Protein backbone atom coordinates (compact mmCIF):
# COMPACT_ATOMS: atom_id res chain seq x y z
CA UNK A 1 -18.81 42.61 -4.52
CA UNK A 2 -17.05 39.47 -3.32
CA UNK A 3 -17.66 37.86 -6.69
CA UNK A 4 -15.98 40.79 -8.39
CA UNK A 5 -12.95 40.56 -6.09
CA UNK A 6 -12.69 36.82 -6.79
CA UNK A 7 -12.76 37.37 -10.58
CA UNK A 8 -10.14 40.10 -10.27
CA UNK A 9 -7.92 37.67 -8.32
CA UNK A 10 -8.24 35.12 -11.13
CA UNK A 11 -7.31 37.66 -13.79
CA UNK A 12 -4.39 39.25 -11.96
CA UNK A 13 -2.83 36.20 -10.29
CA UNK A 14 -3.75 32.87 -11.84
CA UNK A 15 -3.96 33.77 -15.51
CA UNK A 16 -0.45 35.27 -15.66
CA UNK A 17 0.93 32.07 -14.14
CA UNK A 18 -0.83 30.04 -16.83
CA UNK A 19 0.57 32.31 -19.54
CA UNK A 20 4.10 32.00 -18.13
CA UNK A 21 3.90 28.19 -18.00
CA UNK A 22 2.53 28.05 -21.54
CA UNK A 23 5.05 30.57 -22.83
CA UNK A 24 7.95 28.54 -21.38
CA UNK A 25 7.16 25.52 -23.54
CA UNK A 26 9.61 25.35 -26.42
CA UNK A 27 12.09 27.80 -24.88
CA UNK A 28 15.72 26.74 -25.27
CA UNK A 29 17.39 26.23 -21.88
CA UNK A 30 20.49 28.44 -21.60
CA UNK A 31 21.39 27.82 -17.92
CA UNK A 32 20.27 25.91 -14.82
CA UNK A 33 20.70 27.54 -11.40
CA UNK A 34 20.25 25.52 -8.19
CA UNK A 35 19.95 27.20 -4.78
CA UNK A 36 19.77 25.57 -1.33
CA UNK A 37 22.63 23.09 -1.72
CA UNK A 38 24.87 22.68 1.34
CA UNK A 39 26.38 19.20 1.36
CA UNK A 40 25.08 17.92 -1.98
CA UNK A 41 27.13 18.58 -5.09
CA UNK A 42 25.57 20.35 -8.04
CA UNK A 43 26.22 17.39 -10.36
CA UNK A 44 24.13 15.15 -8.06
CA UNK A 45 21.11 17.32 -8.90
CA UNK A 46 21.84 17.93 -12.58
CA UNK A 47 22.28 14.24 -13.46
CA UNK A 48 18.75 13.43 -12.19
CA UNK A 49 16.96 16.05 -14.31
CA UNK A 50 15.07 15.19 -17.53
CA UNK A 51 16.57 18.26 -19.21
CA UNK A 52 19.96 19.98 -19.55
CA UNK A 53 21.35 23.14 -21.10
CA UNK A 54 20.68 23.23 -24.82
CA UNK A 55 17.37 21.31 -24.52
CA UNK A 56 13.93 22.71 -25.25
CA UNK A 57 11.64 23.10 -22.26
CA UNK A 58 8.64 20.74 -22.39
CA UNK A 59 5.27 21.01 -20.69
CA UNK A 60 6.12 18.25 -18.19
CA UNK A 61 9.81 19.10 -17.65
CA UNK A 62 9.22 20.82 -14.32
CA UNK A 63 6.90 18.22 -12.81
CA UNK A 64 9.07 15.29 -13.94
CA UNK A 65 12.23 16.94 -12.62
CA UNK A 66 10.60 17.58 -9.23
CA UNK A 67 9.45 13.95 -9.03
CA UNK A 68 12.93 12.59 -9.75
CA UNK A 69 14.61 14.85 -7.21
CA UNK A 70 12.03 13.97 -4.54
CA UNK A 71 12.55 10.27 -5.19
CA UNK A 72 16.27 10.27 -4.34
CA UNK A 73 15.22 11.26 -0.81
CA UNK A 74 17.83 13.94 -0.14
CA UNK A 75 15.48 16.96 -0.27
CA UNK A 76 12.40 17.90 1.74
CA UNK A 77 11.46 20.64 -0.73
CA UNK A 78 11.94 20.79 -4.49
CA UNK A 79 10.64 23.63 -6.69
CA UNK A 80 11.53 23.98 -10.39
CA UNK A 81 10.52 27.25 -12.07
CA UNK A 82 10.02 27.28 -15.87
CA UNK A 83 12.51 29.37 -17.86
CA UNK A 84 11.73 32.93 -18.81
CA UNK A 85 12.53 34.29 -22.25
CA UNK A 86 16.26 34.23 -21.41
CA UNK A 87 16.11 30.43 -21.00
CA UNK A 88 17.34 30.31 -17.39
CA UNK A 89 15.79 27.61 -15.16
CA UNK A 90 15.68 28.22 -11.41
CA UNK A 91 15.64 25.24 -9.01
CA UNK A 92 15.16 25.65 -5.26
CA UNK A 93 15.82 22.73 -2.89
CA UNK A 94 15.98 22.20 0.86
CA UNK A 95 18.34 19.48 1.99
CA UNK A 96 17.54 16.83 4.58
CA UNK A 97 20.04 15.66 7.19
CA UNK A 98 21.63 12.54 5.72
CA UNK A 99 23.51 10.96 8.68
CA UNK A 100 21.29 8.58 10.66
CA UNK A 101 22.31 6.78 13.87
CA UNK A 102 19.62 4.35 14.97
CA UNK A 103 19.68 2.30 18.20
CA UNK A 104 17.88 -1.05 17.79
CA UNK A 105 16.47 -3.66 20.11
CA UNK A 106 14.14 -6.66 20.08
CA UNK A 107 12.57 -9.10 22.51
CA UNK A 108 10.57 -12.27 21.75
CA UNK A 109 7.88 -14.06 23.78
CA UNK A 110 10.52 -16.34 25.30
CA UNK A 111 12.51 -13.37 26.57
CA UNK A 112 15.26 -13.71 23.96
CA UNK A 113 16.60 -10.24 23.28
CA UNK A 114 19.10 -8.37 21.16
CA UNK A 115 20.43 -4.82 20.95
CA UNK A 116 22.52 -2.91 18.48
CA UNK A 117 23.15 0.31 16.63
CA UNK A 118 23.22 1.17 12.93
CA UNK A 119 24.94 4.17 11.35
CA UNK A 120 23.86 5.14 7.85
CA UNK A 121 25.15 8.00 5.71
CA UNK A 122 22.83 8.51 2.72
CA UNK A 123 24.80 11.26 0.95
CA UNK A 124 28.50 10.47 1.26
CA UNK A 125 30.78 12.87 -0.64
CA UNK A 126 27.65 14.81 -1.59
CA UNK A 127 27.12 12.28 -4.41
CA UNK A 128 24.31 10.19 -2.89
CA UNK A 129 26.72 7.35 -2.12
CA UNK A 130 25.44 5.32 0.83
CA UNK A 131 27.49 3.86 3.69
CA UNK A 132 26.02 1.58 6.36
CA UNK A 133 27.80 0.18 9.46
CA UNK A 134 25.96 -1.93 12.05
CA UNK A 135 26.72 -3.98 15.14
CA UNK A 136 24.37 -6.26 17.01
CA UNK A 137 24.57 -8.12 20.32
CA UNK A 138 22.58 -11.21 21.31
CA UNK A 139 21.76 -10.23 24.88
CA UNK A 140 20.26 -13.44 26.27
CA UNK A 141 17.03 -13.42 28.23
CA UNK A 142 15.66 -9.93 28.83
CA UNK A 143 18.93 -8.17 27.91
CA UNK A 144 20.79 -9.93 30.75
CA UNK A 145 23.97 -11.20 29.03
CA UNK A 146 26.16 -11.07 25.92
CA UNK A 147 25.88 -14.32 23.94
CA UNK A 148 27.27 -13.17 20.62
CA UNK A 149 28.37 -10.14 18.63
CA UNK A 150 28.02 -9.52 14.93
CA UNK A 151 29.08 -6.57 12.76
CA UNK A 152 28.48 -5.79 9.12
CA UNK A 153 28.81 -2.95 6.65
CA UNK A 154 27.91 -2.02 3.10
CA UNK A 155 28.67 0.67 0.53
CA UNK A 156 26.59 1.75 -2.47
CA UNK A 157 28.41 3.70 -5.18
CA UNK A 158 25.45 5.22 -6.97
CA UNK A 159 25.90 6.28 -10.59
CA UNK A 160 29.56 5.58 -11.39
CA UNK A 161 30.86 8.52 -13.45
CA UNK A 162 27.27 9.89 -13.37
CA UNK A 163 26.22 7.05 -15.68
CA UNK A 164 23.64 4.26 -15.49
CA UNK A 165 25.81 1.84 -13.47
CA UNK A 166 25.82 1.54 -9.67
CA UNK A 167 28.11 -0.71 -7.61
CA UNK A 168 27.41 -2.29 -4.21
CA UNK A 169 29.72 -4.03 -1.75
CA UNK A 170 29.19 -5.53 1.69
CA UNK A 171 30.73 -7.82 4.30
CA UNK A 172 29.99 -9.03 7.80
CA UNK A 173 30.81 -11.62 10.41
CA UNK A 174 30.69 -12.67 14.02
CA UNK A 175 28.88 -14.96 16.45
CA UNK A 176 25.18 -15.14 17.24
CA UNK A 177 22.50 -17.40 18.65
CA UNK A 178 20.55 -19.33 16.01
CA UNK A 179 17.09 -20.62 16.95
CA UNK A 180 15.61 -23.71 15.27
CA UNK A 181 11.83 -23.84 14.87
CA UNK A 182 9.53 -26.67 13.85
CA UNK A 183 5.90 -25.87 13.03
CA UNK A 184 6.35 -22.48 14.68
CA UNK A 185 7.69 -23.94 17.93
CA UNK A 186 11.24 -23.39 19.26
CA UNK A 187 13.00 -26.78 19.38
CA UNK A 188 16.69 -25.96 19.74
CA UNK A 189 19.39 -23.32 20.01
CA UNK A 190 22.82 -23.22 18.37
CA UNK A 191 25.83 -20.97 18.53
CA UNK A 192 26.49 -19.73 15.02
CA UNK A 193 29.86 -18.52 13.74
CA UNK A 194 29.70 -16.99 10.30
CA UNK A 195 31.05 -14.57 7.73
CA UNK A 196 29.77 -13.27 4.43
CA UNK A 197 30.55 -10.81 1.66
CA UNK A 198 28.89 -9.74 -1.57
CA UNK A 199 29.42 -7.54 -4.61
CA UNK A 200 26.85 -6.50 -7.18
CA UNK A 201 26.41 -4.20 -10.15
CA UNK A 202 23.11 -2.59 -11.22
CA UNK A 203 22.42 -1.21 -14.68
CA UNK A 204 19.64 1.33 -15.20
CA UNK A 205 17.83 0.85 -18.49
CA UNK A 206 15.90 4.08 -17.93
CA UNK A 207 17.31 7.58 -17.67
CA UNK A 208 18.10 7.32 -13.93
CA UNK A 209 18.61 4.37 -11.53
CA UNK A 210 15.52 3.33 -9.62
CA UNK A 211 13.14 4.85 -12.17
CA UNK A 212 12.03 2.49 -14.91
CA UNK A 213 13.70 -0.86 -15.59
CA UNK A 214 16.90 -1.94 -13.83
CA UNK A 215 19.05 -5.08 -14.16
CA UNK A 216 21.30 -6.48 -11.44
CA UNK A 217 24.09 -9.07 -11.29
CA UNK A 218 26.20 -10.09 -8.32
CA UNK A 219 28.04 -12.69 -6.26
CA UNK A 220 27.51 -13.68 -2.64
CA UNK A 221 29.63 -15.86 -0.33
CA UNK A 222 28.41 -17.09 3.05
CA UNK A 223 30.14 -19.45 5.52
CA UNK A 224 28.45 -20.76 8.67
CA UNK A 225 29.32 -23.22 11.46
CA UNK A 226 26.96 -24.35 14.24
CA UNK A 227 27.29 -25.83 17.72
CA UNK A 228 24.26 -27.14 19.60
CA UNK A 229 23.63 -25.38 22.91
CA UNK A 230 20.23 -26.68 23.99
CA UNK A 231 17.22 -28.60 22.72
CA UNK A 232 16.91 -31.19 19.99
CA UNK A 233 19.52 -31.38 17.20
CA UNK A 234 18.33 -30.44 13.73
CA UNK A 235 19.13 -32.81 10.87
CA UNK A 236 18.71 -29.98 8.35
CA UNK A 237 21.25 -27.64 9.95
CA UNK A 238 24.99 -28.18 9.50
CA UNK A 239 28.16 -26.35 8.56
CA UNK A 240 28.12 -25.02 5.02
CA UNK A 241 29.68 -22.69 2.50
CA UNK A 242 27.16 -21.11 0.17
CA UNK A 243 28.59 -19.32 -2.87
CA UNK A 244 25.96 -18.03 -5.26
CA UNK A 245 25.34 -15.88 -8.31
CA UNK A 246 22.68 -13.21 -7.95
CA UNK A 247 20.45 -11.79 -10.65
CA UNK A 248 17.57 -9.34 -10.54
CA UNK A 249 15.21 -7.31 -12.70
CA UNK A 250 13.03 -4.51 -11.39
CA UNK A 251 10.66 -1.81 -12.57
CA UNK A 252 9.81 1.27 -10.53
CA UNK A 253 7.67 4.31 -11.24
CA UNK A 254 6.70 6.04 -8.01
CA UNK A 255 6.26 9.58 -6.75
CA UNK A 256 7.60 9.95 -3.22
CA UNK A 257 5.83 12.83 -1.46
CA UNK A 258 7.81 12.17 1.77
CA UNK A 259 4.73 11.19 3.79
CA UNK A 260 2.84 9.33 1.05
CA UNK A 261 3.58 7.36 -2.13
CA UNK A 262 1.87 6.84 -5.46
CA UNK A 263 2.88 4.54 -8.32
CA UNK A 264 3.95 0.94 -8.92
CA UNK A 265 7.05 -1.18 -8.24
CA UNK A 266 8.04 -4.70 -9.34
CA UNK A 267 11.07 -6.83 -8.46
CA UNK A 268 12.24 -10.34 -9.33
CA UNK A 269 15.45 -11.87 -7.94
CA UNK A 270 17.27 -15.17 -8.49
CA UNK A 271 19.94 -16.72 -6.23
CA UNK A 272 21.83 -19.77 -7.57
CA UNK A 273 24.34 -21.59 -5.31
CA UNK A 274 26.29 -24.39 -7.02
CA UNK A 275 29.36 -26.59 -6.48
CA UNK A 276 30.88 -25.03 -9.60
CA UNK A 277 31.05 -21.75 -7.65
CA UNK A 278 32.79 -23.37 -4.67
CA UNK A 279 29.57 -23.96 -2.75
CA UNK A 280 29.13 -27.08 -0.61
CA UNK A 281 25.40 -27.16 -1.44
CA UNK A 282 23.30 -26.63 -4.55
CA UNK A 283 20.32 -24.33 -3.92
CA UNK A 284 18.13 -22.35 -6.30
CA UNK A 285 16.04 -19.55 -4.80
CA UNK A 286 13.77 -17.03 -6.49
CA UNK A 287 11.42 -14.38 -5.18
CA UNK A 288 9.18 -11.70 -6.65
CA UNK A 289 6.96 -8.86 -5.49
CA UNK A 290 4.72 -6.28 -7.10
CA UNK A 291 3.31 -3.26 -5.27
CA UNK A 292 0.94 -0.44 -6.13
CA UNK A 293 0.09 2.74 -4.23
CA UNK A 294 -3.24 4.32 -5.20
CA UNK A 295 -4.76 7.59 -3.86
CA UNK A 296 -8.30 7.16 -2.55
CA UNK A 297 -9.34 10.12 -4.71
CA UNK A 298 -7.54 12.33 -7.27
CA UNK A 299 -6.84 15.03 -4.65
CA UNK A 300 -6.35 12.73 -1.65
CA UNK A 301 -3.13 12.07 0.27
CA UNK A 302 -4.70 8.93 1.79
CA UNK A 303 -3.71 5.83 -0.16
CA UNK A 304 -4.57 2.17 -0.62
CA UNK A 305 -1.32 0.20 -0.80
CA UNK A 306 -1.21 -3.37 -2.13
CA UNK A 307 1.69 -5.80 -2.46
CA UNK A 308 1.81 -9.41 -3.70
CA UNK A 309 4.84 -11.54 -2.71
CA UNK A 310 5.95 -15.01 -3.82
CA UNK A 311 9.06 -17.17 -3.54
CA UNK A 312 10.40 -20.70 -4.00
CA UNK A 313 13.56 -22.66 -3.11
CA UNK A 314 14.78 -25.95 -4.62
CA UNK A 315 17.74 -28.24 -4.04
CA UNK A 316 19.62 -28.80 -0.78
CA UNK A 317 17.66 -26.29 1.28
CA UNK A 318 19.06 -26.31 4.82
CA UNK A 319 17.35 -24.92 7.92
CA UNK A 320 19.16 -21.59 7.62
CA UNK A 321 18.22 -21.37 3.93
CA UNK A 322 14.47 -21.42 4.44
CA UNK A 323 12.39 -18.36 3.68
CA UNK A 324 11.21 -16.59 6.84
CA UNK A 325 8.26 -14.25 6.20
CA UNK A 326 7.12 -13.51 9.75
CA UNK A 327 8.58 -10.06 10.51
CA UNK A 328 7.76 -6.34 10.46
CA UNK A 329 8.11 -5.94 6.67
CA UNK A 330 6.61 -9.31 5.80
CA UNK A 331 3.54 -11.06 7.15
CA UNK A 332 2.85 -9.26 10.42
CA UNK A 333 1.42 -10.96 13.50
CA UNK A 334 4.44 -13.31 13.69
CA UNK A 335 8.07 -13.22 14.78
CA UNK A 336 11.06 -14.62 12.83
CA UNK A 337 11.06 -18.44 12.97
CA UNK A 338 7.29 -18.83 13.16
CA UNK A 339 6.68 -18.77 9.39
CA UNK A 340 9.48 -20.69 7.64
CA UNK A 341 9.42 -22.77 4.48
CA UNK A 342 10.49 -23.38 0.90
CA UNK A 343 7.52 -21.81 -0.86
CA UNK A 344 5.44 -18.79 0.05
CA UNK A 345 2.66 -16.61 -1.31
CA UNK A 346 1.11 -13.72 0.57
CA UNK A 347 -0.33 -10.25 0.12
CA UNK A 348 -0.19 -7.03 2.12
CA UNK A 349 -3.18 -4.69 2.05
CA UNK A 350 -2.59 -1.40 3.85
CA UNK A 351 -4.51 1.87 4.09
CA UNK A 352 -2.52 4.98 5.04
CA UNK A 353 -4.34 8.07 6.29
CA UNK A 354 -2.47 11.34 7.05
CA UNK A 355 -4.26 13.37 9.74
CA UNK A 356 -4.80 16.11 8.68
CA UNK A 357 -4.30 15.92 4.93
CA UNK A 358 -0.64 16.95 4.62
CA UNK A 359 0.32 16.07 8.17
CA UNK A 360 3.54 14.37 9.26
CA UNK A 361 1.36 12.04 11.36
CA UNK A 362 -0.35 9.08 9.74
CA UNK A 363 -2.62 6.25 10.86
CA UNK A 364 -2.60 2.89 9.08
CA UNK A 365 -4.77 -0.22 8.99
CA UNK A 366 -3.58 -3.44 7.37
CA UNK A 367 -4.30 -7.07 6.64
CA UNK A 368 -1.55 -9.53 5.63
CA UNK A 369 -2.84 -12.84 4.25
CA UNK A 370 -1.06 -15.84 2.73
CA UNK A 371 0.80 -19.05 3.46
CA UNK A 372 4.25 -20.64 3.51
CA UNK A 373 4.93 -24.34 2.94
CA UNK A 374 7.78 -26.59 4.09
CA UNK A 375 7.87 -30.18 2.76
CA UNK A 376 4.32 -29.56 1.49
CA UNK A 377 3.16 -28.76 5.02
CA UNK A 378 1.43 -25.39 5.47
CA UNK A 379 2.31 -23.31 8.52
CA UNK A 380 0.15 -24.11 11.56
CA UNK A 381 -1.68 -26.71 9.43
CA UNK A 382 -4.08 -24.05 8.14
CA UNK A 383 -5.09 -23.27 4.58
CA UNK A 384 -4.01 -19.65 5.14
CA UNK A 385 -2.44 -17.58 7.88
CA UNK A 386 -3.21 -13.92 8.43
CA UNK A 387 -2.16 -10.92 10.44
CA UNK A 388 -4.58 -8.04 11.03
CA UNK A 389 -3.79 -4.81 12.80
CA UNK A 390 -2.95 -1.14 12.65
CA UNK A 391 -0.33 1.39 13.51
CA UNK A 392 1.00 4.91 13.18
CA UNK A 393 3.72 6.75 11.28
CA UNK A 394 5.48 9.99 12.12
CA UNK A 395 7.83 11.72 9.70
CA UNK A 396 10.69 14.10 10.45
CA UNK A 397 10.90 15.87 7.09
CA UNK A 398 14.38 17.23 7.80
CA UNK A 399 15.83 13.70 8.07
CA UNK A 400 16.56 11.28 5.21
CA UNK A 401 14.45 8.15 5.75
CA UNK A 402 12.90 10.01 8.66
CA UNK A 403 9.62 8.11 8.91
CA UNK A 404 9.23 6.18 12.17
CA UNK A 405 6.81 3.27 12.27
CA UNK A 406 4.89 1.46 15.03
CA UNK A 407 2.55 -1.47 14.28
CA UNK A 408 0.51 -3.99 16.26
CA UNK A 409 -0.85 -7.15 14.60
CA UNK A 410 -2.78 -10.22 15.69
CA UNK A 411 -1.75 -13.49 14.02
CA UNK A 412 -4.46 -16.01 13.20
CA UNK A 413 -1.90 -18.83 13.52
CA UNK A 414 0.18 -17.56 16.44
CA UNK A 415 -2.96 -16.49 18.36
CA UNK A 416 -0.90 -13.61 19.73
CA UNK A 417 -0.45 -9.90 19.33
CA UNK A 418 2.93 -8.85 17.99
CA UNK A 419 4.40 -5.34 18.18
CA UNK A 420 6.88 -3.83 15.75
CA UNK A 421 8.92 -0.63 15.59
CA UNK A 422 11.02 0.52 12.67
CA UNK A 423 11.80 3.20 10.12
CA UNK A 424 10.27 3.88 6.71
CA UNK A 425 7.03 2.53 5.33
CA UNK A 426 6.50 -1.25 5.33
CA UNK A 427 6.70 -1.22 1.53
C-alpha cells in the first residue's frame, strides 16, 4: 500500500515538474517579473541575470541566475521559476538588511589595546554601491587612555552605467601608535602621523564583475611621519611618501550559499612605488593567492577549504612596508608584528561543518602552515611556523555579511594561544 502511495506521489508531483522544466527550454522570454524588492532597484537584479527579454530560455538559465544573485550578497532567498508557454519568468527574492554598524576592539599580550566602530552600507541607492566609514582609537594599556585617533572611508561604485566597469575611491588619516618588532619581539614604539588616498578602476572580462576574470588598475598615495616614544630606534623606519601604481588580475567562480561556499578563486596584485610617481622610495611588491572550496560529498554542506598565499617585496623596503601575515585572516596563532618580512609563503587548510546540515551554526578546524623571511632570516629561526586551532561561525541570514567568526589558534613559533573575533569567513 505504501509503495503504491509513493509511486502515485512520483507520478502526480515530481513528473509534472520535470515536464515543466523540460518544456521551458527553448521558450522565448517575453517578460521578467521580480517580487520581494524593497530597497534594491529592479535594474540591480536584471543586470546580473544570464538572460533578458527576447532571449531563449536554456536548461541552466535558472540555476545560473540564482547563483549570480546569491553571490552579490543582498538576498537571503532567490528563486527563479522557468517561463510557462507565455514566456514570463517569475523571480522571488528576500532582501537582507544592508546597513552594518560594527563596534571593534583588540588587546595584545602586552596590554596594548584599541577600539573603534565601522559603518558599512552594502546597497547604497539600491544599486549595490558600497560605502564604508571607520574610526579607530589607540587606547593605551588595557583601554586606559587615548593615544591616537584615525579615520578612513571608502566608496565602491559597482557597475558604472550597468556595465563591466567599477570604480573605487578611499582616503584616511590621523595619528596612531606604531610598534616596531624584531624577530617577533617588541623593540620600540613610535607616534605615527599619516594620510593616504587611493583610486582604482576594475574591468570585468566576464558577464558580471566578480564572476570570471577581472582586471584592476589604480593609484595609491601614502605619507607617514614618525616620532620615537620608547625603546630602541629603528634604522629601517623613517618619514616617507609612497606613491604607487596598482595592478591586479583575478578569477572567481564560486557559489555562495550564505553559510557555505563552493568553487575557486585566484588573485594576483602588483604595487610599484617609484620616484617618477613622486615617491621618496622605490619599492616593488607583489602578492598572489588561490583558494578552493570543495564539498566533502556531492550532497554535503560541509566543505574542505584550501588557500595558498605568496608574496615578495624588493627595493627600499622600510619597516612599515614589510608584509605582516600574523592576523585573523592570515596565519593564525600570531598577532600583527610577530610575522613580518619581505617574502612569504603559507597555506590555510580549513574544514567547515554546519551542525545540523543547513544550520546557521558552524564548527571549523584549521591548520595554517608556512614561513616569512626578512633579510633571508626565517621567523623564529624555524624552517616553518604553524598555527593550529578551531572555532565557530554563526550567520544571521537577514544581514548582509552577517556571519560572525570566533577562532582560537596555537602558534608553534609564538608558543601561545591567540583568540580572534570578526565577521565573514576567513577566506
